[in-house]
Amino acid sequence: MNADRVAVHGAGLAGLTCALLAARDGGAVTLVGGEPAGPPTELVLNEATVALLTSLWGEVDGHRLTGRWSRWGIDAGPVQTPSTALVVNEQRLVAVLAERLPDRVERAETAPPADWTIRASARPAGNPPVGRRVAITGYAPMSETRVSRMATTWRGWVQAVPLGDGRGFLRAVSPVPPDDPEDFLGAEIEAAGLDEWVVGPPERVVVAPAAPWLSRQRAEPGRLHVGGGVLRLDPLSGSGAGQAMRTAMLATAVVRDGRPAADLLGDYHRRLGAAFHRHLIGCTANYRTAFDSAEWAGELHITATALAGHAAQLHSRSGGPVFTGRRDVAAMT
């Protein structure tokens, strides 16, 4: 490792993974701050994400699913496929992983001097999301125990994931925030035909932004942004846990590498930009086939505009960051 002092801000999945990998590489690692704040949420980890998590951290406990039922599009029929996804509570997972960190990882409330600072929290300002859609999440009694269910309505899409204890985790995505989130989530469950398995009203309902977002601040001399500090993916693509770990792996590889700093930072910046571009293409393809309302047309228009801008950067030699020489400033083209 070129730099032996690494300060990691944020103790979520991305931050903990950075701390773990940097410590394994021999760095003197300080983890700054506590667990991420926010309402309880459940992560549905697909097979690839479970394999990645296990390779980094070892086995983790959760509720194992056996199938996935989906109906995408108003006129589409349901499709059920086998699935070995694992459902874990994010807060419990973070607590368990924190206990598995090497003893050499220090904890601190304020950051000490460091050769590299890795930020896994606190979204940088001035980076608008690609759209206005929101996720409405909650919990409800659920008779199903092993099969997750997902379907579209004319307003959006809704998902019900069994937790194995008689409850289910619910999520609906809407292009506009609802006036009454609890009523909206219950109505969407009914409109999607999932009330056969969701057998009670939603509780602990929370509304949060769901539109994709990518920071313009991704890499600066001596500083990298990872996980929720650099991007947010549409929940249609999953929990984001896999992306959080992959950005952490990429960031610690930058810290480990011996190439000139400008080359490394530019490569990191472009890799995240390319991944986000592919994500927007996938969102467009899926939402275009399912919705034709004016609200979703607006979401697709915003996404098309963002894609055009990202495509221009990806195919331009000036599509990476321009470093000014200051540690805290990187002017992005």
C-alpha atoms as a PDB file:
ATOM      1  CA  MET A   1       0.000   0.000   0.000  1.00  0.00           C
ATOM      2  CA  ASN A   2       1.394   3.413  -1.007  1.00  0.00           C
ATOM      3  CA  ALA A   3      -0.313   5.327   1.801  1.00  0.00           C
ATOM      4  CA  ASP A   4      -0.289   3.877   5.297  1.00  0.00           C
ATOM      5  CA  ARG A   5      -2.820   6.273   6.861  1.00  0.00           C
ATOM      6  CA  VAL A   6      -6.432   5.908   5.707  1.00  0.00           C
ATOM      7  CA  ALA A   7      -9.424   7.699   7.253  1.00  0.00           C
ATOM      8  CA  VAL A   8     -12.826   6.216   6.360  1.00  0.00           C
ATOM      9  CA  HIS A   9     -15.874   8.405   7.017  1.00  0.00           C
ATOM     10  CA  GLY A  10     -19.089   6.419   7.433  1.00  0.00           C
ATOM     11  CA  ALA A  11     -19.735   3.032   9.023  1.00  0.00           C
ATOM     12  CA  GLY A  12     -22.282   1.639   6.588  1.00  0.00           C
ATOM     13  CA  LEU A  13     -21.602  -1.297   4.290  1.00  0.00           C
ATOM     14  CA  ALA A  14     -19.332   0.674   1.923  1.00  0.00           C
ATOM     15  CA  GLY A  15     -17.355   2.339   4.704  1.00  0.00           C
ATOM     16  CA  LEU A  16     -16.882  -0.869   6.683  1.00  0.00           C
ATOM     17  CA  THR A  17     -15.720  -2.696   3.556  1.00  0.00           C
ATOM     18  CA  CYS A  18     -13.188   0.053   2.826  1.00  0.00           C
ATOM     19  CA  ALA A  19     -11.877  -0.176   6.399  1.00  0.00           C
ATOM     20  CA  LEU A  20     -11.646  -3.971   6.180  1.00  0.00           C
ATOM     21  CA  LEU A  21      -9.768  -4.035   2.865  1.00  0.00           C
ATOM     22  CA  ALA A  22      -7.429  -1.145   3.697  1.00  0.00           C
ATOM     23  CA  ALA A  23      -6.509  -2.827   6.992  1.00  0.00           C
ATOM     24  CA  ARG A  24      -5.863  -6.110   5.188  1.00  0.00           C
ATOM     25  CA  ASP A  25      -3.518  -4.201   2.881  1.00  0.00           C
ATOM     26  CA  GLY A  26      -1.511  -3.042   5.895  1.00  0.00           C
ATOM     27  CA  GLY A  27      -2.856   0.471   6.266  1.00  0.00           C
ATOM     28  CA  ALA A  28      -3.322   2.310   9.559  1.00  0.00           C
ATOM     29  CA  VAL A  29      -7.082   2.730   9.283  1.00  0.00           C
ATOM     30  CA  THR A  30      -9.332   5.043  11.284  1.00  0.00           C
ATOM     31  CA  LEU A  31     -13.104   4.645  10.987  1.00  0.00           C
ATOM     32  CA  VAL A  32     -14.734   8.016  11.617  1.00  0.00           C
ATOM     33  CA  GLY A  33     -18.343   8.335  12.752  1.00  0.00           C
ATOM     34  CA  GLY A  34     -20.974   5.808  13.727  1.00  0.00           C
ATOM     35  CA  GLU A  35     -23.524   3.713  11.934  1.00  0.00           C
ATOM     36  CA  PRO A  36     -25.600   5.470   9.250  1.00  0.00           C
ATOM     37  CA  ALA A  37     -28.721   7.208  10.496  1.00  0.00           C
ATOM     38  CA  GLY A  38     -32.097   6.509   8.977  1.00  0.00           C
ATOM     39  CA  PRO A  39     -35.177   4.349   9.304  1.00  0.00           C
ATOM     40  CA  PRO A  40     -34.890   0.543   9.482  1.00  0.00           C
ATOM     41  CA  THR A  41     -34.781  -1.136   6.092  1.00  0.00           C
ATOM     42  CA  GLU A  42     -34.361  -4.608   4.657  1.00  0.00           C
ATOM     43  CA  LEU A  43     -31.822  -5.615   2.018  1.00  0.00           C
ATOM     44  CA  VAL A  44     -32.752  -8.270  -0.526  1.00  0.00           C
ATOM     45  CA  LEU A  45     -29.411  -9.688  -1.640  1.00  0.00           C
ATOM     46  CA  ASN A  46     -29.324 -11.696  -4.848  1.00  0.00           C
ATOM     47  CA  GLU A  47     -27.025 -14.658  -5.358  1.00  0.00           C
ATOM     48  CA  ALA A  48     -24.142 -12.598  -6.765  1.00  0.00           C
ATOM     49  CA  THR A  49     -24.295 -10.072  -3.920  1.00  0.00           C
ATOM     50  CA  VAL A  50     -24.426 -12.821  -1.289  1.00  0.00           C
ATOM     51  CA  ALA A  51     -21.369 -14.438  -2.884  1.00  0.00           C
ATOM     52  CA  LEU A  52     -19.486 -11.123  -2.848  1.00  0.00           C
ATOM     53  CA  LEU A  53     -20.475 -10.393   0.748  1.00  0.00           C
ATOM     54  CA  THR A  54     -19.400 -13.879   1.846  1.00  0.00           C
ATOM     55  CA  SER A  55     -16.060 -13.625   0.041  1.00  0.00           C
ATOM     56  CA  LEU A  56     -15.277 -10.407   1.892  1.00  0.00           C
ATOM     57  CA  TRP A  57     -16.847 -10.927   5.300  1.00  0.00           C
ATOM     58  CA  GLY A  58     -17.730 -14.601   5.708  1.00  0.00           C
ATOM     59  CA  GLU A  59     -21.188 -16.088   6.181  1.00  0.00           C
ATOM     60  CA  VAL A  60     -24.046 -13.874   7.372  1.00  0.00           C
ATOM     61  CA  ASP A  61     -27.455 -14.864   8.692  1.00  0.00           C
ATOM     62  CA  GLY A  62     -30.752 -13.849   7.143  1.00  0.00           C
ATOM     63  CA  HIS A  63     -34.033 -15.154   5.782  1.00  0.00           C
ATOM     64  CA  ARG A  64     -33.504 -17.278   2.675  1.00  0.00           C
ATOM     65  CA  LEU A  65     -36.070 -17.042  -0.124  1.00  0.00           C
ATOM     66  CA  THR A  66     -36.842 -19.818  -2.591  1.00  0.00           C
ATOM     67  CA  GLY A  67     -38.667 -17.970  -5.376  1.00  0.00           C
ATOM     68  CA  ARG A  68     -39.495 -14.660  -6.992  1.00  0.00           C
ATOM     69  CA  TRP A  69     -42.952 -13.865  -8.417  1.00  0.00           C
ATOM     70  CA  SER A  70     -43.302 -10.849 -10.710  1.00  0.00           C
ATOM     71  CA  ARG A  71     -45.755  -9.203 -13.078  1.00  0.00           C
ATOM     72  CA  TRP A  72     -44.148  -6.334 -14.970  1.00  0.00           C
ATOM     73  CA  GLY A  73     -46.585  -4.370 -17.122  1.00  0.00           C
ATOM     74  CA  ILE A  74     -50.329  -3.908 -16.716  1.00  0.00           C
ATOM     75  CA  ASP A  75     -51.232  -6.488 -19.372  1.00  0.00           C
ATOM     76  CA  ALA A  76     -48.464  -8.949 -18.507  1.00  0.00           C
ATOM     77  CA  GLY A  77     -49.026 -12.285 -16.851  1.00  0.00           C
ATOM     78  CA  PRO A  78     -47.204 -13.354 -13.677  1.00  0.00           C
ATOM     79  CA  VAL A  79     -43.879 -15.168 -13.865  1.00  0.00           C
ATOM     80  CA  GLN A  80     -42.350 -17.138 -10.999  1.00  0.00           C
ATOM     81  CA  THR A  81     -38.697 -18.133 -10.999  1.00  0.00           C
ATOM     82  CA  PRO A  82     -36.462 -19.888  -8.466  1.00  0.00           C
ATOM     83  CA  SER A  83     -34.422 -17.584  -6.235  1.00  0.00           C
ATOM     84  CA  THR A  84     -31.983 -18.068  -3.387  1.00  0.00           C
ATOM     85  CA  ALA A  85     -31.944 -14.408  -2.370  1.00  0.00           C
ATOM     86  CA  LEU A  86     -31.140 -13.556   1.237  1.00  0.00           C
ATOM     87  CA  VAL A  87     -33.129 -10.953   3.174  1.00  0.00           C
ATOM     88  CA  VAL A  88     -31.191  -9.155   5.914  1.00  0.00           C
ATOM     89  CA  ASN A  89     -31.936  -6.126   8.045  1.00  0.00           C
ATOM     90  CA  GLU A  90     -29.438  -3.424   7.063  1.00  0.00           C
ATOM     91  CA  GLN A  91     -28.890  -2.099  10.589  1.00  0.00           C
ATOM     92  CA  ARG A  92     -28.295  -5.586  12.026  1.00  0.00           C
ATOM     93  CA  LEU A  93     -25.955  -6.471   9.159  1.00  0.00           C
ATOM     94  CA  VAL A  94     -23.870  -3.340   9.714  1.00  0.00           C
ATOM     95  CA  ALA A  95     -23.634  -4.074  13.450  1.00  0.00           C
ATOM     96  CA  VAL A  96     -22.472  -7.650  12.807  1.00  0.00           C
ATOM     97  CA  LEU A  97     -19.861  -6.602  10.242  1.00  0.00           C
ATOM     98  CA  ALA A  98     -18.508  -3.871  12.519  1.00  0.00           C
ATOM     99  CA  GLU A  99     -17.679  -6.550  15.093  1.00  0.00           C
ATOM    100  CA  ARG A 100     -15.675  -8.442  12.447  1.00  0.00           C
ATOM    101  CA  LEU A 101     -13.303  -5.591  11.668  1.00  0.00           C
ATOM    102  CA  PRO A 102      -9.648  -6.260  12.514  1.00  0.00           C
ATOM    103  CA  ASP A 103      -8.546  -4.950  15.908  1.00  0.00           C
ATOM    104  CA  ARG A 104      -6.077  -2.629  14.194  1.00  0.00           C
ATOM    105  CA  VAL A 105      -8.927  -0.473  12.822  1.00  0.00           C
ATOM    106  CA  GLU A 106      -9.227   2.533  15.137  1.00  0.00           C
ATOM    107  CA  ARG A 107     -12.493   4.325  15.919  1.00  0.00           C
ATOM    108  CA  ALA A 108     -12.706   8.105  16.206  1.00  0.00           C
ATOM    109  CA  GLU A 109     -15.264  10.911  16.211  1.00  0.00           C
ATOM    110  CA  THR A 110     -12.948  13.262  14.320  1.00  0.00           C
ATOM    111  CA  ALA A 111     -10.571  12.387  11.512  1.00  0.00           C
ATOM    112  CA  PRO A 112      -6.811  12.275  12.186  1.00  0.00           C
ATOM    113  CA  PRO A 113      -4.265  13.349   9.543  1.00  0.00           C
ATOM    114  CA  ALA A 114      -4.377  10.844   6.691  1.00  0.00           C
ATOM    115  CA  ASP A 115      -2.785  10.145   3.329  1.00  0.00           C
ATOM    116  CA  TRP A 116      -6.170   9.096   1.963  1.00  0.00           C
ATOM    117  CA  THR A 117      -9.678  10.041   3.037  1.00  0.00           C
ATOM    118  CA  ILE A 118     -12.530   7.814   1.887  1.00  0.00           C
ATOM    119  CA  ARG A 119     -16.027   9.244   2.306  1.00  0.00           C
ATOM    120  CA  ALA A 120     -18.909   6.785   2.415  1.00  0.00           C
ATOM    121  CA  SER A 121     -21.494   9.194   3.787  1.00  0.00           C
ATOM    122  CA  ALA A 122     -22.789  12.728   3.341  1.00  0.00           C
ATOM    123  CA  ARG A 123     -23.900  13.395  -0.216  1.00  0.00           C
ATOM    124  CA  PRO A 124     -21.943  16.310  -1.720  1.00  0.00           C
ATOM    125  CA  ALA A 125     -24.100  19.310  -2.571  1.00  0.00           C
ATOM    126  CA  GLY A 126     -25.078  20.470  -6.026  1.00  0.00           C
ATOM    127  CA  ASN A 127     -25.785  17.127  -7.683  1.00  0.00           C
ATOM    128  CA  PRO A 128     -29.423  16.800  -8.734  1.00  0.00           C
ATOM    129  CA  PRO A 129     -30.950  13.305  -8.991  1.00  0.00           C
ATOM    130  CA  VAL A 130     -32.066  11.882 -12.337  1.00  0.00           C
ATOM    131  CA  GLY A 131     -35.789  12.165 -11.722  1.00  0.00           C
ATOM    132  CA  ARG A 132     -38.242  12.898  -8.928  1.00  0.00           C
ATOM    133  CA  ARG A 133     -39.527   9.452  -7.997  1.00  0.00           C
ATOM    134  CA  VAL A 134     -39.761   8.282  -4.407  1.00  0.00           C
ATOM    135  CA  ALA A 135     -39.887   4.970  -2.561  1.00  0.00           C
ATOM    136  CA  ILE A 136     -42.587   4.385   0.040  1.00  0.00           C
ATOM    137  CA  THR A 137     -41.576   1.578   2.401  1.00  0.00           C
ATOM    138  CA  GLY A 138     -43.177  -0.105   5.385  1.00  0.00           C
ATOM    139  CA  TYR A 139     -44.020  -3.372   7.080  1.00  0.00           C
ATOM    140  CA  ALA A 140     -47.199  -5.464   7.227  1.00  0.00           C
ATOM    141  CA  PRO A 141     -48.368  -8.965   8.186  1.00  0.00           C
ATOM    142  CA  MET A 142     -47.671 -11.376   5.331  1.00  0.00           C
ATOM    143  CA  SER A 143     -48.856 -14.955   4.882  1.00  0.00           C
ATOM    144  CA  GLU A 144     -46.176 -15.817   2.311  1.00  0.00           C
ATOM    145  CA  THR A 145     -42.862 -16.937   3.828  1.00  0.00           C
ATOM    146  CA  ARG A 146     -40.443 -17.807   1.016  1.00  0.00           C
ATOM    147  CA  VAL A 147     -41.450 -16.048  -2.234  1.00  0.00           C
ATOM    148  CA  SER A 148     -41.005 -12.328  -2.881  1.00  0.00           C
ATOM    149  CA  ARG A 149     -43.672 -10.669  -5.006  1.00  0.00           C
ATOM    150  CA  MET A 150     -43.483  -7.654  -7.292  1.00  0.00           C
ATOM    151  CA  ALA A 151     -46.024  -6.110  -9.676  1.00  0.00           C
ATOM    152  CA  THR A 152     -46.808  -2.894 -11.492  1.00  0.00           C
ATOM    153  CA  THR A 153     -49.880  -0.695 -11.191  1.00  0.00           C
ATOM    154  CA  TRP A 154     -50.871   2.271 -13.314  1.00  0.00           C
ATOM    155  CA  ARG A 155     -49.070   4.532 -10.804  1.00  0.00           C
ATOM    156  CA  GLY A 156     -45.829   2.629 -10.296  1.00  0.00           C
ATOM    157  CA  TRP A 157     -44.533  -0.656  -8.955  1.00  0.00           C
ATOM    158  CA  VAL A 158     -44.806  -2.398  -5.605  1.00  0.00           C
ATOM    159  CA  GLN A 159     -42.890  -5.197  -3.904  1.00  0.00           C
ATOM    160  CA  ALA A 160     -43.638  -7.447  -0.907  1.00  0.00           C
ATOM    161  CA  VAL A 161     -40.779  -9.419   0.626  1.00  0.00           C
ATOM    162  CA  PRO A 162     -41.427 -12.012   3.378  1.00  0.00           C
ATOM    163  CA  LEU A 163     -39.193 -11.749   6.427  1.00  0.00           C
ATOM    164  CA  GLY A 164     -39.965 -15.214   7.733  1.00  0.00           C
ATOM    165  CA  ASP A 165     -41.549 -14.102  11.000  1.00  0.00           C
ATOM    166  CA  GLY A 166     -45.090 -13.437   9.794  1.00  0.00           C
ATOM    167  CA  ARG A 167     -44.192  -9.975   8.529  1.00  0.00           C
ATOM    168  CA  GLY A 168     -43.304  -8.608   5.133  1.00  0.00           C
ATOM    169  CA  PHE A 169     -41.255  -5.644   3.949  1.00  0.00           C
ATOM    170  CA  LEU A 170     -43.183  -3.479   1.492  1.00  0.00           C
ATOM    171  CA  ARG A 171     -41.872  -1.019  -1.082  1.00  0.00           C
ATOM    172  CA  ALA A 172     -43.743   1.026  -3.685  1.00  0.00           C
ATOM    173  CA  VAL A 173     -42.110   3.405  -6.144  1.00  0.00           C
ATOM    174  CA  SER A 174     -44.071   6.400  -7.448  1.00  0.00           C
ATOM    175  CA  PRO A 175     -43.023   9.196  -9.827  1.00  0.00           C
ATOM    176  CA  VAL A 176     -44.495  11.749  -7.398  1.00  0.00           C
ATOM    177  CA  PRO A 177     -44.605  11.809  -3.559  1.00  0.00           C
ATOM    178  CA  PRO A 178     -48.024  10.724  -2.205  1.00  0.00           C
ATOM    179  CA  ASP A 179     -50.098  12.977   0.028  1.00  0.00           C
ATOM    180  CA  ASP A 180     -50.857  10.125   2.453  1.00  0.00           C
ATOM    181  CA  PRO A 181     -48.052   7.536   2.310  1.00  0.00           C
ATOM    182  CA  GLU A 182     -49.794   4.885   4.425  1.00  0.00           C
ATOM    183  CA  ASP A 183     -52.991   4.993   2.379  1.00  0.00           C
ATOM    184  CA  PHE A 184     -50.990   5.074  -0.843  1.00  0.00           C
ATOM    185  CA  LEU A 185     -48.928   2.002   0.062  1.00  0.00           C
ATOM    186  CA  GLY A 186     -52.020   0.048   1.088  1.00  0.00           C
ATOM    187  CA  ALA A 187     -53.849   1.044  -2.097  1.00  0.00           C
ATOM    188  CA  GLU A 188     -50.893   0.025  -4.262  1.00  0.00           C
ATOM    189  CA  ILE A 189     -50.719  -3.391  -2.596  1.00  0.00           C
ATOM    190  CA  GLU A 190     -54.394  -3.886  -3.440  1.00  0.00           C
ATOM    191  CA  ALA A 191     -54.096  -2.507  -6.989  1.00  0.00           C
ATOM    192  CA  ALA A 192     -51.175  -4.848  -7.667  1.00  0.00           C
ATOM    193  CA  GLY A 193     -53.171  -7.856  -6.471  1.00  0.00           C
ATOM    194  CA  LEU A 194     -50.720  -8.549  -3.642  1.00  0.00           C
ATOM    195  CA  ASP A 195     -53.346  -8.298  -0.915  1.00  0.00           C
ATOM    196  CA  GLU A 196     -53.781 -12.069  -1.191  1.00  0.00           C
ATOM    197  CA  TRP A 197     -50.437 -12.390   0.604  1.00  0.00           C
ATOM    198  CA  VAL A 198     -50.182  -9.056   2.457  1.00  0.00           C
ATOM    199  CA  VAL A 199     -52.887  -9.586   5.060  1.00  0.00           C
ATOM    200  CA  GLY A 200     -52.781  -6.399   7.118  1.00  0.00           C
ATOM    201  CA  PRO A 201     -52.349  -2.632   6.775  1.00  0.00           C
ATOM    202  CA  PRO A 202     -48.858  -1.163   6.353  1.00  0.00           C
ATOM    203  CA  GLU A 203     -47.087   0.261   9.378  1.00  0.00           C
ATOM    204  CA  ARG A 204     -43.873   2.246   9.989  1.00  0.00           C
ATOM    205  CA  VAL A 205     -44.234   3.831   6.567  1.00  0.00           C
ATOM    206  CA  VAL A 206     -41.383   6.033   5.322  1.00  0.00           C
ATOM    207  CA  VAL A 207     -40.933   8.049   2.122  1.00  0.00           C
ATOM    208  CA  ALA A 208     -37.421   8.487   0.682  1.00  0.00           C
ATOM    209  CA  PRO A 209     -35.906   9.644  -2.622  1.00  0.00           C
ATOM    210  CA  ALA A 210     -35.522   6.837  -5.157  1.00  0.00           C
ATOM    211  CA  ALA A 211     -34.269   8.547  -8.328  1.00  0.00           C
ATOM    212  CA  PRO A 212     -30.720   7.611  -9.372  1.00  0.00           C
ATOM    213  CA  TRP A 213     -27.985  10.045  -8.447  1.00  0.00           C
ATOM    214  CA  LEU A 214     -24.260  10.307  -9.180  1.00  0.00           C
ATOM    215  CA  SER A 215     -21.945  12.784  -7.520  1.00  0.00           C
ATOM    216  CA  ARG A 216     -19.723  15.010  -9.600  1.00  0.00           C
ATOM    217  CA  GLN A 217     -17.264  14.678  -6.715  1.00  0.00           C
ATOM    218  CA  ARG A 218     -15.998  11.139  -7.056  1.00  0.00           C
ATOM    219  CA  ALA A 219     -12.230  11.427  -6.761  1.00  0.00           C
ATOM    220  CA  GLU A 220      -9.858  14.178  -5.691  1.00  0.00           C
ATOM    221  CA  PRO A 221      -6.186  14.107  -4.744  1.00  0.00           C
ATOM    222  CA  GLY A 222      -6.064  12.185  -1.484  1.00  0.00           C
ATOM    223  CA  ARG A 223      -9.837  11.704  -1.319  1.00  0.00           C
ATOM    224  CA  LEU A 224     -12.341   9.216  -2.739  1.00  0.00           C
ATOM    225  CA  HIS A 225     -16.128   8.933  -2.429  1.00  0.00           C
ATOM    226  CA  VAL A 226     -17.816   5.518  -2.198  1.00  0.00           C
ATOM    227  CA  GLY A 227     -21.201   3.929  -1.561  1.00  0.00           C
ATOM    228  CA  GLY A 228     -23.968   6.358  -0.680  1.00  0.00           C
ATOM    229  CA  GLY A 229     -21.445   9.178  -0.688  1.00  0.00           C
ATOM    230  CA  VAL A 230     -21.045   8.923  -4.458  1.00  0.00           C
ATOM    231  CA  LEU A 231     -24.171   7.365  -6.009  1.00  0.00           C
ATOM    232  CA  ARG A 232     -27.676   6.052  -5.485  1.00  0.00           C
ATOM    233  CA  LEU A 233     -29.295   3.445  -7.722  1.00  0.00           C
ATOM    234  CA  ASP A 234     -32.965   3.034  -8.520  1.00  0.00           C
ATOM    235  CA  PRO A 235     -34.377   0.348  -6.162  1.00  0.00           C
ATOM    236  CA  LEU A 236     -35.617  -1.509  -9.251  1.00  0.00           C
ATOM    237  CA  SER A 237     -32.043  -2.792  -9.623  1.00  0.00           C
ATOM    238  CA  GLY A 238     -31.886  -4.130  -6.068  1.00  0.00           C
ATOM    239  CA  SER A 239     -30.740  -3.024  -2.653  1.00  0.00           C
ATOM    240  CA  GLY A 240     -27.535  -1.274  -3.755  1.00  0.00           C
ATOM    241  CA  ALA A 241     -25.490  -3.455  -1.379  1.00  0.00           C
ATOM    242  CA  GLY A 242     -23.480  -4.997  -4.200  1.00  0.00           C
ATOM    243  CA  GLN A 243     -22.664  -1.594  -5.664  1.00  0.00           C
ATOM    244  CA  ALA A 244     -21.629  -0.319  -2.215  1.00  0.00           C
ATOM    245  CA  MET A 245     -19.117  -3.147  -1.829  1.00  0.00           C
ATOM    246  CA  ARG A 246     -17.831  -2.809  -5.395  1.00  0.00           C
ATOM    247  CA  THR A 247     -17.145   0.919  -5.008  1.00  0.00           C
ATOM    248  CA  ALA A 248     -15.321   0.114  -1.764  1.00  0.00           C
ATOM    249  CA  MET A 249     -13.190  -2.510  -3.513  1.00  0.00           C
ATOM    250  CA  LEU A 250     -12.400  -0.110  -6.340  1.00  0.00           C
ATOM    251  CA  ALA A 251     -11.481   2.701  -3.946  1.00  0.00           C
ATOM    252  CA  THR A 252      -9.120   0.564  -1.879  1.00  0.00           C
ATOM    253  CA  ALA A 253      -7.524  -0.690  -5.110  1.00  0.00           C
ATOM    254  CA  VAL A 254      -6.809   2.957  -5.999  1.00  0.00           C
ATOM    255  CA  VAL A 255      -5.184   3.482  -2.597  1.00  0.00           C
ATOM    256  CA  ARG A 256      -3.154   0.294  -3.049  1.00  0.00           C
ATOM    257  CA  ASP A 257      -1.983   0.950  -6.631  1.00  0.00           C
ATOM    258  CA  GLY A 258       1.377   2.463  -7.475  1.00  0.00           C
ATOM    259  CA  ARG A 259       0.486   4.427 -10.612  1.00  0.00           C
ATOM    260  CA  PRO A 260       0.539   8.257 -10.719  1.00  0.00           C
ATOM    261  CA  ALA A 261      -2.338   9.719  -8.696  1.00  0.00           C
ATOM    262  CA  ALA A 262      -3.917  11.612 -11.612  1.00  0.00           C
ATOM    263  CA  ASP A 263      -4.216   8.416 -13.676  1.00  0.00           C
ATOM    264  CA  LEU A 264      -5.760   6.493 -10.794  1.00  0.00           C
ATOM    265  CA  LEU A 265      -8.280   9.178  -9.880  1.00  0.00           C
ATOM    266  CA  GLY A 266      -9.319   9.729 -13.473  1.00  0.00           C
ATOM    267  CA  ASP A 267      -9.841   5.989 -13.940  1.00  0.00           C
ATOM    268  CA  TYR A 268     -11.967   5.787 -10.769  1.00  0.00           C
ATOM    269  CA  HIS A 269     -14.056   8.761 -11.872  1.00  0.00           C
ATOM    270  CA  ARG A 270     -14.706   7.277 -15.325  1.00  0.00           C
ATOM    271  CA  ARG A 271     -15.485   3.768 -14.073  1.00  0.00           C
ATOM    272  CA  LEU A 272     -18.237   5.062 -11.787  1.00  0.00           C
ATOM    273  CA  GLY A 273     -19.573   7.228 -14.599  1.00  0.00           C
ATOM    274  CA  ALA A 274     -19.732   4.264 -16.987  1.00  0.00           C
ATOM    275  CA  ALA A 275     -21.491   2.055 -14.401  1.00  0.00           C
ATOM    276  CA  PHE A 276     -24.057   4.774 -13.739  1.00  0.00           C
ATOM    277  CA  HIS A 277     -24.635   5.221 -17.477  1.00  0.00           C
ATOM    278  CA  ARG A 278     -25.424   1.507 -17.829  1.00  0.00           C
ATOM    279  CA  HIS A 279     -27.782   1.736 -14.867  1.00  0.00           C
ATOM    280  CA  LEU A 280     -29.748   4.577 -16.485  1.00  0.00           C
ATOM    281  CA  ILE A 281     -30.042   2.588 -19.722  1.00  0.00           C
ATOM    282  CA  GLY A 282     -31.509  -0.330 -17.765  1.00  0.00           C
ATOM    283  CA  CYS A 283     -33.974   1.925 -15.933  1.00  0.00           C
ATOM    284  CA  THR A 284     -35.135   3.434 -19.200  1.00  0.00           C
ATOM    285  CA  ALA A 285     -35.700   0.053 -20.848  1.00  0.00           C
ATOM    286  CA  ASN A 286     -37.727  -1.288 -17.915  1.00  0.00           C
ATOM    287  CA  TYR A 287     -39.855   1.770 -17.199  1.00  0.00           C
ATOM    288  CA  ARG A 288     -40.634   2.429 -20.859  1.00  0.00           C
ATOM    289  CA  THR A 289     -42.223  -1.010 -21.196  1.00  0.00           C
ATOM    290  CA  ALA A 290     -44.392  -0.656 -18.089  1.00  0.00           C
ATOM    291  CA  PHE A 291     -45.743   2.903 -17.828  1.00  0.00           C
ATOM    292  CA  ASP A 292     -47.330   5.478 -20.134  1.00  0.00           C
ATOM    293  CA  SER A 293     -48.581   8.146 -17.717  1.00  0.00           C
ATOM    294  CA  ALA A 294     -47.496  11.782 -17.993  1.00  0.00           C
ATOM    295  CA  GLU A 295     -45.610  11.488 -14.698  1.00  0.00           C
ATOM    296  CA  TRP A 296     -43.536   8.553 -15.909  1.00  0.00           C
ATOM    297  CA  ALA A 297     -43.026  10.242 -19.271  1.00  0.00           C
ATOM    298  CA  GLY A 298     -41.453  13.079 -17.312  1.00  0.00           C
ATOM    299  CA  GLU A 299     -39.136  10.642 -15.505  1.00  0.00           C
ATOM    300  CA  LEU A 300     -38.090   9.108 -18.813  1.00  0.00           C
ATOM    301  CA  HIS A 301     -37.434  12.539 -20.322  1.00  0.00           C
ATOM    302  CA  ILE A 302     -35.188  13.505 -17.407  1.00  0.00           C
ATOM    303  CA  THR A 303     -33.351  10.194 -17.762  1.00  0.00           C
ATOM    304  CA  ALA A 304     -32.883  10.648 -21.517  1.00  0.00           C
ATOM    305  CA  THR A 305     -31.396  14.095 -20.932  1.00  0.00           C
ATOM    306  CA  ALA A 306     -29.001  12.704 -18.325  1.00  0.00           C
ATOM    307  CA  LEU A 307     -28.008   9.840 -20.616  1.00  0.00           C
ATOM    308  CA  ALA A 308     -27.165  12.253 -23.420  1.00  0.00           C
ATOM    309  CA  GLY A 309     -24.908  14.208 -21.094  1.00  0.00           C
ATOM    310  CA  HIS A 310     -23.207  11.094 -19.752  1.00  0.00           C
ATOM    311  CA  ALA A 311     -22.701   9.706 -23.256  1.00  0.00           C
ATOM    312  CA  ALA A 312     -20.978  12.913 -24.324  1.00  0.00           C
ATOM    313  CA  GLN A 313     -18.608  12.662 -21.338  1.00  0.00           C
ATOM    314  CA  LEU A 314     -17.911   8.962 -21.782  1.00  0.00           C
ATOM    315  CA  HIS A 315     -16.926   9.456 -25.434  1.00  0.00           C
ATOM    316  CA  SER A 316     -14.888  12.590 -24.830  1.00  0.00           C
ATOM    317  CA  ARG A 317     -11.252  12.771 -23.807  1.00  0.00           C
ATOM    318  CA  SER A 318     -12.266  15.460 -21.335  1.00  0.00           C
ATOM    319  CA  GLY A 319     -14.835  13.206 -19.699  1.00  0.00           C
ATOM    320  CA  GLY A 320     -12.828  12.805 -16.498  1.00  0.00           C
ATOM    321  CA  PRO A 321     -11.975  15.127 -13.638  1.00  0.00           C
ATOM    322  CA  VAL A 322      -9.610  18.050 -13.968  1.00  0.00           C
ATOM    323  CA  PHE A 323      -7.475  18.299 -10.839  1.00  0.00           C
ATOM    324  CA  THR A 324      -6.674  21.799  -9.635  1.00  0.00           C
ATOM    325  CA  GLY A 325      -3.893  20.903  -7.245  1.00  0.00           C
ATOM    326  CA  ARG A 326      -5.965  21.547  -4.121  1.00  0.00           C
ATOM    327  CA  ARG A 327      -6.848  18.508  -2.043  1.00  0.00           C
ATOM    328  CA  ASP A 328     -10.414  19.687  -1.548  1.00  0.00           C
ATOM    329  CA  VAL A 329     -11.292  20.819  -5.070  1.00  0.00           C
ATOM    330  CA  ALA A 330     -11.712  18.936  -8.320  1.00  0.00           C
ATOM    331  CA  ALA A 331     -13.366  20.787 -11.199  1.00  0.00           C
ATOM    332  CA  MET A 332     -15.383  18.256 -13.133  1.00  0.00           C
ATOM    333  CA  THR A 333     -15.850  18.625 -16.869  1.00  0.00           C
END
